[in-house]
Amino acid sequence: YIFPARHVELQILADEHGNAVCLGDR
C-alpha cells in the first residue's frame, strides 16, 4: 500500500502494424 499517492493513468493506442502512441496522462 503506497500512501499518500495520486492515481495517474496513461491512455495508449496501438495497431497491429507495430505503431503505438500515448495520448497523455489523466
mmCIF file of all heavy atoms, coordinates in Angstrom:
data_MODEL
# 
_entry.id   MODEL 
# 
loop_
_atom_site.group_PDB 
_atom_site.id 
_atom_site.type_symbol 
_atom_site.label_atom_id 
_atom_site.label_alt_id 
_atom_site.label_comp_id 
_atom_site.label_asym_id 
_atom_site.label_entity_id 
_atom_site.label_seq_id 
_atom_site.pdbx_PDB_ins_code 
_atom_site.Cartn_x 
_atom_site.Cartn_y 
_atom_site.Cartn_z 
_atom_site.occupancy 
_atom_site.B_iso_or_equiv 
_atom_site.pdbx_formal_charge 
_atom_site.auth_seq_id 
_atom_site.auth_comp_id 
_atom_site.auth_asym_id 
_atom_site.auth_atom_id 
_atom_site.pdbx_PDB_model_num 
ATOM 1   N N   . TYR A 1 1  ? 0.848  -1.185 0.000   1.00 0.00 ? 1  TYR A N   1 
ATOM 2   C CA  . TYR A 1 1  ? 0.000  0.000  0.000   1.00 0.00 ? 1  TYR A CA  1 
ATOM 3   C C   . TYR A 1 1  ? 0.883  1.233  0.000   1.00 0.00 ? 1  TYR A C   1 
ATOM 4   O O   . TYR A 1 1  ? 1.635  1.475  0.951   1.00 0.00 ? 1  TYR A O   1 
ATOM 5   C CB  . TYR A 1 1  ? -0.915 -0.019 1.221   1.00 0.00 ? 1  TYR A CB  1 
ATOM 6   C CG  . TYR A 1 1  ? -1.830 1.176  1.357   1.00 0.00 ? 1  TYR A CG  1 
ATOM 7   C CD1 . TYR A 1 1  ? -2.610 1.607  0.302   1.00 0.00 ? 1  TYR A CD1 1 
ATOM 8   C CD2 . TYR A 1 1  ? -1.904 1.877  2.569   1.00 0.00 ? 1  TYR A CD2 1 
ATOM 9   C CE1 . TYR A 1 1  ? -3.460 2.692  0.433   1.00 0.00 ? 1  TYR A CE1 1 
ATOM 10  C CE2 . TYR A 1 1  ? -2.754 2.966  2.708   1.00 0.00 ? 1  TYR A CE2 1 
ATOM 11  C CZ  . TYR A 1 1  ? -3.525 3.371  1.630   1.00 0.00 ? 1  TYR A CZ  1 
ATOM 12  O OH  . TYR A 1 1  ? -4.366 4.447  1.764   1.00 0.00 ? 1  TYR A OH  1 
ATOM 13  N N   . ILE A 1 2  ? 0.840  2.001  -1.079  1.00 0.00 ? 2  ILE A N   1 
ATOM 14  C CA  . ILE A 1 2  ? 1.631  3.225  -1.204  1.00 0.00 ? 2  ILE A CA  1 
ATOM 15  C C   . ILE A 1 2  ? 0.761  4.400  -0.799  1.00 0.00 ? 2  ILE A C   1 
ATOM 16  O O   . ILE A 1 2  ? -0.292 4.647  -1.390  1.00 0.00 ? 2  ILE A O   1 
ATOM 17  C CB  . ILE A 1 2  ? 2.146  3.386  -2.645  1.00 0.00 ? 2  ILE A CB  1 
ATOM 18  C CG1 . ILE A 1 2  ? 3.118  2.246  -2.964  1.00 0.00 ? 2  ILE A CG1 1 
ATOM 19  C CG2 . ILE A 1 2  ? 2.829  4.737  -2.828  1.00 0.00 ? 2  ILE A CG2 1 
ATOM 20  C CD1 . ILE A 1 2  ? 3.646  2.262  -4.374  1.00 0.00 ? 2  ILE A CD1 1 
ATOM 21  N N   . PHE A 1 3  ? 1.228  5.130  0.227   1.00 0.00 ? 3  PHE A N   1 
ATOM 22  C CA  . PHE A 1 3  ? 0.404  6.193  0.811   1.00 0.00 ? 3  PHE A CA  1 
ATOM 23  C C   . PHE A 1 3  ? 1.309  7.309  1.338   1.00 0.00 ? 3  PHE A C   1 
ATOM 24  O O   . PHE A 1 3  ? 2.338  7.030  1.947   1.00 0.00 ? 3  PHE A O   1 
ATOM 25  C CB  . PHE A 1 3  ? -0.422 5.612  1.965   1.00 0.00 ? 3  PHE A CB  1 
ATOM 26  C CG  . PHE A 1 3  ? -1.191 6.640  2.738   1.00 0.00 ? 3  PHE A CG  1 
ATOM 27  C CD1 . PHE A 1 3  ? -2.451 7.022  2.316   1.00 0.00 ? 3  PHE A CD1 1 
ATOM 28  C CD2 . PHE A 1 3  ? -0.652 7.229  3.879   1.00 0.00 ? 3  PHE A CD2 1 
ATOM 29  C CE1 . PHE A 1 3  ? -3.164 7.979  3.026   1.00 0.00 ? 3  PHE A CE1 1 
ATOM 30  C CE2 . PHE A 1 3  ? -1.354 8.188  4.587   1.00 0.00 ? 3  PHE A CE2 1 
ATOM 31  C CZ  . PHE A 1 3  ? -2.624 8.557  4.156   1.00 0.00 ? 3  PHE A CZ  1 
ATOM 32  N N   . PRO A 1 4  ? 0.946  8.578  1.111   1.00 0.00 ? 4  PRO A N   1 
ATOM 33  C CA  . PRO A 1 4  ? -0.141 9.052  0.234   1.00 0.00 ? 4  PRO A CA  1 
ATOM 34  C C   . PRO A 1 4  ? 0.277  8.965  -1.231  1.00 0.00 ? 4  PRO A C   1 
ATOM 35  O O   . PRO A 1 4  ? 1.472  8.906  -1.536  1.00 0.00 ? 4  PRO A O   1 
ATOM 36  C CB  . PRO A 1 4  ? -0.319 10.499 0.677   1.00 0.00 ? 4  PRO A CB  1 
ATOM 37  C CG  . PRO A 1 4  ? 1.045  10.902 1.144   1.00 0.00 ? 4  PRO A CG  1 
ATOM 38  C CD  . PRO A 1 4  ? 1.661  9.676  1.765   1.00 0.00 ? 4  PRO A CD  1 
ATOM 39  N N   . ALA A 1 5  ? -0.672 8.966  -2.119  1.00 0.00 ? 5  ALA A N   1 
ATOM 40  C CA  . ALA A 1 5  ? -0.370 8.821  -3.535  1.00 0.00 ? 5  ALA A CA  1 
ATOM 41  C C   . ALA A 1 5  ? -1.493 9.413  -4.376  1.00 0.00 ? 5  ALA A C   1 
ATOM 42  O O   . ALA A 1 5  ? -2.595 9.664  -3.885  1.00 0.00 ? 5  ALA A O   1 
ATOM 43  C CB  . ALA A 1 5  ? -0.178 7.346  -3.883  1.00 0.00 ? 5  ALA A CB  1 
ATOM 44  N N   . ARG A 1 6  ? -1.168 9.625  -5.641  1.00 0.00 ? 6  ARG A N   1 
ATOM 45  C CA  . ARG A 1 6  ? -2.167 10.032 -6.629  1.00 0.00 ? 6  ARG A CA  1 
ATOM 46  C C   . ARG A 1 6  ? -2.328 8.899  -7.641  1.00 0.00 ? 6  ARG A C   1 
ATOM 47  O O   . ARG A 1 6  ? -1.379 8.132  -7.885  1.00 0.00 ? 6  ARG A O   1 
ATOM 48  C CB  . ARG A 1 6  ? -1.742 11.320 -7.332  1.00 0.00 ? 6  ARG A CB  1 
ATOM 49  C CG  . ARG A 1 6  ? -1.676 12.510 -6.395  1.00 0.00 ? 6  ARG A CG  1 
ATOM 50  C CD  . ARG A 1 6  ? -1.155 13.738 -7.091  1.00 0.00 ? 6  ARG A CD  1 
ATOM 51  N NE  . ARG A 1 6  ? -2.170 14.376 -7.941  1.00 0.00 ? 6  ARG A NE  1 
ATOM 52  C CZ  . ARG A 1 6  ? -2.488 15.669 -7.851  1.00 0.00 ? 6  ARG A CZ  1 
ATOM 53  N NH1 . ARG A 1 6  ? -1.897 16.441 -6.953  1.00 0.00 ? 6  ARG A NH1 1 
ATOM 54  N NH2 . ARG A 1 6  ? -3.381 16.187 -8.656  1.00 0.00 ? 6  ARG A NH2 1 
ATOM 55  N N   . HIS A 1 7  ? -3.506 8.819  -8.208  1.00 0.00 ? 7  HIS A N   1 
ATOM 56  C CA  . HIS A 1 7  ? -3.805 7.818  -9.223  1.00 0.00 ? 7  HIS A CA  1 
ATOM 57  C C   . HIS A 1 7  ? -3.687 8.499  -10.585 1.00 0.00 ? 7  HIS A C   1 
ATOM 58  O O   . HIS A 1 7  ? -4.503 9.341  -10.942 1.00 0.00 ? 7  HIS A O   1 
ATOM 59  C CB  . HIS A 1 7  ? -5.220 7.267  -9.013  1.00 0.00 ? 7  HIS A CB  1 
ATOM 60  C CG  . HIS A 1 7  ? -5.596 6.164  -9.946  1.00 0.00 ? 7  HIS A CG  1 
ATOM 61  N ND1 . HIS A 1 7  ? -6.380 5.110  -9.557  1.00 0.00 ? 7  HIS A ND1 1 
ATOM 62  C CD2 . HIS A 1 7  ? -5.324 5.943  -11.249 1.00 0.00 ? 7  HIS A CD2 1 
ATOM 63  C CE1 . HIS A 1 7  ? -6.565 4.292  -10.578 1.00 0.00 ? 7  HIS A CE1 1 
ATOM 64  N NE2 . HIS A 1 7  ? -5.930 4.790  -11.619 1.00 0.00 ? 7  HIS A NE2 1 
ATOM 65  N N   . VAL A 1 8  ? -2.652 8.134  -11.337 1.00 0.00 ? 8  VAL A N   1 
ATOM 66  C CA  . VAL A 1 8  ? -2.410 8.718  -12.658 1.00 0.00 ? 8  VAL A CA  1 
ATOM 67  C C   . VAL A 1 8  ? -2.382 7.606  -13.688 1.00 0.00 ? 8  VAL A C   1 
ATOM 68  O O   . VAL A 1 8  ? -1.719 6.583  -13.484 1.00 0.00 ? 8  VAL A O   1 
ATOM 69  C CB  . VAL A 1 8  ? -1.086 9.506  -12.685 1.00 0.00 ? 8  VAL A CB  1 
ATOM 70  C CG1 . VAL A 1 8  ? -0.803 10.050 -14.085 1.00 0.00 ? 8  VAL A CG1 1 
ATOM 71  C CG2 . VAL A 1 8  ? -1.124 10.652 -11.668 1.00 0.00 ? 8  VAL A CG2 1 
ATOM 72  N N   . GLU A 1 9  ? -3.096 7.797  -14.794 1.00 0.00 ? 9  GLU A N   1 
ATOM 73  C CA  . GLU A 1 9  ? -3.146 6.767  -15.821 1.00 0.00 ? 9  GLU A CA  1 
ATOM 74  C C   . GLU A 1 9  ? -2.765 7.338  -17.181 1.00 0.00 ? 9  GLU A C   1 
ATOM 75  O O   . GLU A 1 9  ? -2.899 8.543  -17.425 1.00 0.00 ? 9  GLU A O   1 
ATOM 76  C CB  . GLU A 1 9  ? -4.532 6.128  -15.878 1.00 0.00 ? 9  GLU A CB  1 
ATOM 77  C CG  . GLU A 1 9  ? -5.662 7.075  -16.208 1.00 0.00 ? 9  GLU A CG  1 
ATOM 78  C CD  . GLU A 1 9  ? -7.032 6.425  -16.079 1.00 0.00 ? 9  GLU A CD  1 
ATOM 79  O OE1 . GLU A 1 9  ? -7.187 5.522  -15.233 1.00 0.00 ? 9  GLU A OE1 1 
ATOM 80  O OE2 . GLU A 1 9  ? -7.949 6.823  -16.834 1.00 0.00 ? 9  GLU A OE2 1 
ATOM 81  N N   . LEU A 1 10 ? -2.272 6.451  -18.060 1.00 0.00 ? 10 LEU A N   1 
ATOM 82  C CA  . LEU A 1 10 ? -1.836 6.840  -19.399 1.00 0.00 ? 10 LEU A CA  1 
ATOM 83  C C   . LEU A 1 10 ? -2.684 6.133  -20.447 1.00 0.00 ? 10 LEU A C   1 
ATOM 84  O O   . LEU A 1 10 ? -2.860 4.911  -20.395 1.00 0.00 ? 10 LEU A O   1 
ATOM 85  C CB  . LEU A 1 10 ? -0.360 6.488  -19.613 1.00 0.00 ? 10 LEU A CB  1 
ATOM 86  C CG  . LEU A 1 10 ? 0.645  7.111  -18.635 1.00 0.00 ? 10 LEU A CG  1 
ATOM 87  C CD1 . LEU A 1 10 ? 2.045  6.674  -19.007 1.00 0.00 ? 10 LEU A CD1 1 
ATOM 88  C CD2 . LEU A 1 10 ? 0.552  8.628  -18.635 1.00 0.00 ? 10 LEU A CD2 1 
ATOM 89  N N   . GLN A 1 11 ? -3.203 6.904  -21.404 1.00 0.00 ? 11 GLN A N   1 
ATOM 90  C CA  . GLN A 1 11 ? -4.029 6.363  -22.485 1.00 0.00 ? 11 GLN A CA  1 
ATOM 91  C C   . GLN A 1 11 ? -3.153 5.958  -23.670 1.00 0.00 ? 11 GLN A C   1 
ATOM 92  O O   . GLN A 1 11 ? -2.389 6.757  -24.192 1.00 0.00 ? 11 GLN A O   1 
ATOM 93  C CB  . GLN A 1 11 ? -5.046 7.402  -22.947 1.00 0.00 ? 11 GLN A CB  1 
ATOM 94  C CG  . GLN A 1 11 ? -5.886 6.984  -24.144 1.00 0.00 ? 11 GLN A CG  1 
ATOM 95  C CD  . GLN A 1 11 ? -6.846 5.856  -23.796 1.00 0.00 ? 11 GLN A CD  1 
ATOM 96  O OE1 . GLN A 1 11 ? -7.708 6.010  -22.939 1.00 0.00 ? 11 GLN A OE1 1 
ATOM 97  N NE2 . GLN A 1 11 ? -6.702 4.716  -24.463 1.00 0.00 ? 11 GLN A NE2 1 
ATOM 98  N N   . ILE A 1 12 ? -3.290 4.687  -24.075 1.00 0.00 ? 12 ILE A N   1 
ATOM 99  C CA  . ILE A 1 12 ? -2.475 4.135  -25.151 1.00 0.00 ? 12 ILE A CA  1 
ATOM 100 C C   . ILE A 1 12 ? -3.361 3.746  -26.335 1.00 0.00 ? 12 ILE A C   1 
ATOM 101 O O   . ILE A 1 12 ? -4.480 3.258  -26.157 1.00 0.00 ? 12 ILE A O   1 
ATOM 102 C CB  . ILE A 1 12 ? -1.704 2.889  -24.672 1.00 0.00 ? 12 ILE A CB  1 
ATOM 103 C CG1 . ILE A 1 12 ? -0.701 3.258  -23.563 1.00 0.00 ? 12 ILE A CG1 1 
ATOM 104 C CG2 . ILE A 1 12 ? -0.988 2.201  -25.828 1.00 0.00 ? 12 ILE A CG2 1 
ATOM 105 C CD1 . ILE A 1 12 ? 0.456  4.098  -24.016 1.00 0.00 ? 12 ILE A CD1 1 
ATOM 106 N N   . LEU A 1 13 ? -2.847 3.937  -27.540 1.00 0.00 ? 13 LEU A N   1 
ATOM 107 C CA  . LEU A 1 13 ? -3.430 3.379  -28.755 1.00 0.00 ? 13 LEU A CA  1 
ATOM 108 C C   . LEU A 1 13 ? -2.321 2.653  -29.502 1.00 0.00 ? 13 LEU A C   1 
ATOM 109 O O   . LEU A 1 13 ? -1.229 3.207  -29.695 1.00 0.00 ? 13 LEU A O   1 
ATOM 110 C CB  . LEU A 1 13 ? -4.000 4.475  -29.652 1.00 0.00 ? 13 LEU A CB  1 
ATOM 111 C CG  . LEU A 1 13 ? -5.419 4.982  -29.383 1.00 0.00 ? 13 LEU A CG  1 
ATOM 112 C CD1 . LEU A 1 13 ? -5.729 6.155  -30.320 1.00 0.00 ? 13 LEU A CD1 1 
ATOM 113 C CD2 . LEU A 1 13 ? -6.446 3.876  -29.590 1.00 0.00 ? 13 LEU A CD2 1 
ATOM 114 N N   . ALA A 1 14 ? -2.585 1.415  -29.935 1.00 0.00 ? 14 ALA A N   1 
ATOM 115 C CA  . ALA A 1 14 ? -1.580 0.639  -30.662 1.00 0.00 ? 14 ALA A CA  1 
ATOM 116 C C   . ALA A 1 14 ? -2.263 -0.159 -31.765 1.00 0.00 ? 14 ALA A C   1 
ATOM 117 O O   . ALA A 1 14 ? -3.383 -0.642 -31.580 1.00 0.00 ? 14 ALA A O   1 
ATOM 118 C CB  . ALA A 1 14 ? -0.832 -0.302 -29.711 1.00 0.00 ? 14 ALA A CB  1 
ATOM 119 N N   . ASP A 1 15 ? -1.589 -0.289 -32.912 1.00 0.00 ? 15 ASP A N   1 
ATOM 120 C CA  . ASP A 1 15 ? -2.172 -1.054 -34.016 1.00 0.00 ? 15 ASP A CA  1 
ATOM 121 C C   . ASP A 1 15 ? -1.382 -2.330 -34.262 1.00 0.00 ? 15 ASP A C   1 
ATOM 122 O O   . ASP A 1 15 ? -0.347 -2.573 -33.623 1.00 0.00 ? 15 ASP A O   1 
ATOM 123 C CB  . ASP A 1 15 ? -2.281 -0.188 -35.280 1.00 0.00 ? 15 ASP A CB  1 
ATOM 124 C CG  . ASP A 1 15 ? -0.922 0.274  -35.818 1.00 0.00 ? 15 ASP A CG  1 
ATOM 125 O OD1 . ASP A 1 15 ? 0.074  -0.447 -35.623 1.00 0.00 ? 15 ASP A OD1 1 
ATOM 126 O OD2 . ASP A 1 15 ? -0.865 1.346  -36.434 1.00 0.00 ? 15 ASP A OD2 1 
ATOM 127 N N   . GLU A 1 16 ? -1.862 -3.137 -35.199 1.00 0.00 ? 16 GLU A N   1 
ATOM 128 C CA  . GLU A 1 16 ? -1.227 -4.427 -35.469 1.00 0.00 ? 16 GLU A CA  1 
ATOM 129 C C   . GLU A 1 16 ? 0.003  -4.289 -36.365 1.00 0.00 ? 16 GLU A C   1 
ATOM 130 O O   . GLU A 1 16 ? 0.655  -5.286 -36.693 1.00 0.00 ? 16 GLU A O   1 
ATOM 131 C CB  . GLU A 1 16 ? -2.230 -5.369 -36.130 1.00 0.00 ? 16 GLU A CB  1 
ATOM 132 C CG  . GLU A 1 16 ? -2.764 -4.900 -37.460 1.00 0.00 ? 16 GLU A CG  1 
ATOM 133 C CD  . GLU A 1 16 ? -3.868 -5.790 -38.002 1.00 0.00 ? 16 GLU A CD  1 
ATOM 134 O OE1 . GLU A 1 16 ? -4.677 -6.299 -37.212 1.00 0.00 ? 16 GLU A OE1 1 
ATOM 135 O OE2 . GLU A 1 16 ? -3.904 -5.970 -39.229 1.00 0.00 ? 16 GLU A OE2 1 
ATOM 136 N N   . HIS A 1 17 ? 0.332  -3.059 -36.759 1.00 0.00 ? 17 HIS A N   1 
ATOM 137 C CA  . HIS A 1 17 ? 1.487  -2.818 -37.622 1.00 0.00 ? 17 HIS A CA  1 
ATOM 138 C C   . HIS A 1 17 ? 2.711  -2.356 -36.833 1.00 0.00 ? 17 HIS A C   1 
ATOM 139 O O   . HIS A 1 17 ? 3.702  -1.921 -37.427 1.00 0.00 ? 17 HIS A O   1 
ATOM 140 C CB  . HIS A 1 17 ? 1.123  -1.776 -38.679 1.00 0.00 ? 17 HIS A CB  1 
ATOM 141 C CG  . HIS A 1 17 ? -0.095 -2.125 -39.468 1.00 0.00 ? 17 HIS A CG  1 
ATOM 142 N ND1 . HIS A 1 17 ? -0.093 -3.016 -40.524 1.00 0.00 ? 17 HIS A ND1 1 
ATOM 143 C CD2 . HIS A 1 17 ? -1.402 -1.733 -39.322 1.00 0.00 ? 17 HIS A CD2 1 
ATOM 144 C CE1 . HIS A 1 17 ? -1.314 -3.147 -41.013 1.00 0.00 ? 17 HIS A CE1 1 
ATOM 145 N NE2 . HIS A 1 17 ? -2.125 -2.383 -40.304 1.00 0.00 ? 17 HIS A NE2 1 
ATOM 146 N N   . GLY A 1 18 ? 2.623  -2.413 -35.511 1.00 0.00 ? 18 GLY A N   1 
ATOM 147 C CA  . GLY A 1 18 ? 3.763  -2.055 -34.668 1.00 0.00 ? 18 GLY A CA  1 
ATOM 148 C C   . GLY A 1 18 ? 3.808  -0.605 -34.243 1.00 0.00 ? 18 GLY A C   1 
ATOM 149 O O   . GLY A 1 18 ? 4.788  -0.170 -33.632 1.00 0.00 ? 18 GLY A O   1 
ATOM 150 N N   . ASN A 1 19 ? 2.770  0.159  -34.562 1.00 0.00 ? 19 ASN A N   1 
ATOM 151 C CA  . ASN A 1 19 ? 2.715  1.564  -34.153 1.00 0.00 ? 19 ASN A CA  1 
ATOM 152 C C   . ASN A 1 19 ? 2.003  1.696  -32.809 1.00 0.00 ? 19 ASN A C   1 
ATOM 153 O O   . ASN A 1 19 ? 1.014  1.011  -32.561 1.00 0.00 ? 19 ASN A O   1 
ATOM 154 C CB  . ASN A 1 19 ? 1.963  2.397  -35.191 1.00 0.00 ? 19 ASN A CB  1 
ATOM 155 C CG  . ASN A 1 19 ? 2.540  2.252  -36.580 1.00 0.00 ? 19 ASN A CG  1 
ATOM 156 O OD1 . ASN A 1 19 ? 3.731  2.474  -36.778 1.00 0.00 ? 19 ASN A OD1 1 
ATOM 157 N ND2 . ASN A 1 19 ? 1.720  1.866  -37.550 1.00 0.00 ? 19 ASN A ND2 1 
ATOM 158 N N   . ALA A 1 20 ? 2.489  2.578  -31.972 1.00 0.00 ? 20 ALA A N   1 
ATOM 159 C CA  . ALA A 1 20 ? 1.840  2.844  -30.683 1.00 0.00 ? 20 ALA A CA  1 
ATOM 160 C C   . ALA A 1 20 ? 2.095  4.289  -30.282 1.00 0.00 ? 20 ALA A C   1 
ATOM 161 O O   . ALA A 1 20 ? 3.174  4.836  -30.538 1.00 0.00 ? 20 ALA A O   1 
ATOM 162 C CB  . ALA A 1 20 ? 2.359  1.900  -29.598 1.00 0.00 ? 20 ALA A CB  1 
ATOM 163 N N   . VAL A 1 21 ? 1.093  4.913  -29.683 1.00 0.00 ? 21 VAL A N   1 
ATOM 164 C CA  . VAL A 1 21 ? 1.225  6.276  -29.182 1.00 0.00 ? 21 VAL A CA  1 
ATOM 165 C C   . VAL A 1 21 ? 0.573  6.364  -27.810 1.00 0.00 ? 21 VAL A C   1 
ATOM 166 O O   . VAL A 1 21 ? -0.297 5.560  -27.466 1.00 0.00 ? 21 VAL A O   1 
ATOM 167 C CB  . VAL A 1 21 ? 0.559  7.312  -30.117 1.00 0.00 ? 21 VAL A CB  1 
ATOM 168 C CG1 . VAL A 1 21 ? 1.251  7.361  -31.462 1.00 0.00 ? 21 VAL A CG1 1 
ATOM 169 C CG2 . VAL A 1 21 ? -0.921 7.031  -30.270 1.00 0.00 ? 21 VAL A CG2 1 
ATOM 170 N N   . CYS A 1 22 ? 1.004  7.348  -27.035 1.00 0.00 ? 22 CYS A N   1 
ATOM 171 C CA  . CYS A 1 22 ? 0.382  7.655  -25.753 1.00 0.00 ? 22 CYS A CA  1 
ATOM 172 C C   . CYS A 1 22 ? -0.318 8.997  -25.893 1.00 0.00 ? 22 CYS A C   1 
ATOM 173 O O   . CYS A 1 22 ? 0.303  9.984  -26.304 1.00 0.00 ? 22 CYS A O   1 
ATOM 174 C CB  . CYS A 1 22 ? 1.419  7.707  -24.632 1.00 0.00 ? 22 CYS A CB  1 
ATOM 175 S SG  . CYS A 1 22 ? 0.717  8.124  -23.014 1.00 0.00 ? 22 CYS A SG  1 
ATOM 176 N N   . LEU A 1 23 ? -1.609 9.026  -25.559 1.00 0.00 ? 23 LEU A N   1 
ATOM 177 C CA  . LEU A 1 23 ? -2.400 10.249 -25.658 1.00 0.00 ? 23 LEU A CA  1 
ATOM 178 C C   . LEU A 1 23 ? -2.412 11.022 -24.351 1.00 0.00 ? 23 LEU A C   1 
ATOM 179 O O   . LEU A 1 23 ? -3.377 11.710 -24.026 1.00 0.00 ? 23 LEU A O   1 
ATOM 180 C CB  . LEU A 1 23 ? -3.835 9.916  -26.088 1.00 0.00 ? 23 LEU A CB  1 
ATOM 181 C CG  . LEU A 1 23 ? -3.980 9.262  -27.462 1.00 0.00 ? 23 LEU A CG  1 
ATOM 182 C CD1 . LEU A 1 23 ? -5.447 9.008  -27.777 1.00 0.00 ? 23 LEU A CD1 1 
ATOM 183 C CD2 . LEU A 1 23 ? -3.346 10.108 -28.546 1.00 0.00 ? 23 LEU A CD2 1 
ATOM 184 N N   . GLY A 1 24 ? -1.321 10.908 -23.601 1.00 0.00 ? 24 GLY A N   1 
ATOM 185 C CA  . GLY A 1 24 ? -1.175 11.700 -22.395 1.00 0.00 ? 24 GLY A CA  1 
ATOM 186 C C   . GLY A 1 24 ? -1.664 11.014 -21.139 1.00 0.00 ? 24 GLY A C   1 
ATOM 187 O O   . GLY A 1 24 ? -2.037 9.841  -21.139 1.00 0.00 ? 24 GLY A O   1 
ATOM 188 N N   . ASP A 1 25 ? -1.652 11.772 -20.050 1.00 0.00 ? 25 ASP A N   1 
ATOM 189 C CA  . ASP A 1 25 ? -1.997 11.266 -18.734 1.00 0.00 ? 25 ASP A CA  1 
ATOM 190 C C   . ASP A 1 25 ? -3.337 11.823 -18.261 1.00 0.00 ? 25 ASP A C   1 
ATOM 191 O O   . ASP A 1 25 ? -3.788 12.867 -18.730 1.00 0.00 ? 25 ASP A O   1 
ATOM 192 C CB  . ASP A 1 25 ? -0.914 11.630 -17.723 1.00 0.00 ? 25 ASP A CB  1 
ATOM 193 C CG  . ASP A 1 25 ? -0.721 13.139 -17.615 1.00 0.00 ? 25 ASP A CG  1 
ATOM 194 O OD1 . ASP A 1 25 ? -0.225 13.734 -18.576 1.00 0.00 ? 25 ASP A OD1 1 
ATOM 195 O OD2 . ASP A 1 25 ? -1.092 13.725 -16.573 1.00 0.00 ? 25 ASP A OD2 1 
ATOM 196 N N   . ARG A 1 26 ? -3.947 11.100 -17.331 1.00 0.00 ? 26 ARG A N   1 
ATOM 197 C CA  . ARG A 1 26 ? -5.163 11.561 -16.657 1.00 0.00 ? 26 ARG A CA  1 
ATOM 198 C C   . ARG A 1 26 ? -4.961 11.384 -15.155 1.00 0.00 ? 26 ARG A C   1 
ATOM 199 O O   . ARG A 1 26 ? -4.470 10.350 -14.708 1.00 0.00 ? 26 ARG A O   1 
ATOM 200 C CB  . ARG A 1 26 ? -6.387 10.738 -17.095 1.00 0.00 ? 26 ARG A CB  1 
ATOM 201 C CG  . ARG A 1 26 ? -6.751 10.880 -18.550 1.00 0.00 ? 26 ARG A CG  1 
ATOM 202 C CD  . ARG A 1 26 ? -8.051 10.136 -18.864 1.00 0.00 ? 26 ARG A CD  1 
ATOM 203 N NE  . ARG A 1 26 ? -7.914 8.697  -18.810 1.00 0.00 ? 26 ARG A NE  1 
ATOM 204 C CZ  . ARG A 1 26 ? -7.884 7.901  -19.892 1.00 0.00 ? 26 ARG A CZ  1 
ATOM 205 N NH1 . ARG A 1 26 ? -7.964 8.420  -21.112 1.00 0.00 ? 26 ARG A NH1 1 
ATOM 206 N NH2 . ARG A 1 26 ? -7.779 6.595  -19.756 1.00 0.00 ? 26 ARG A NH2 1 
# 
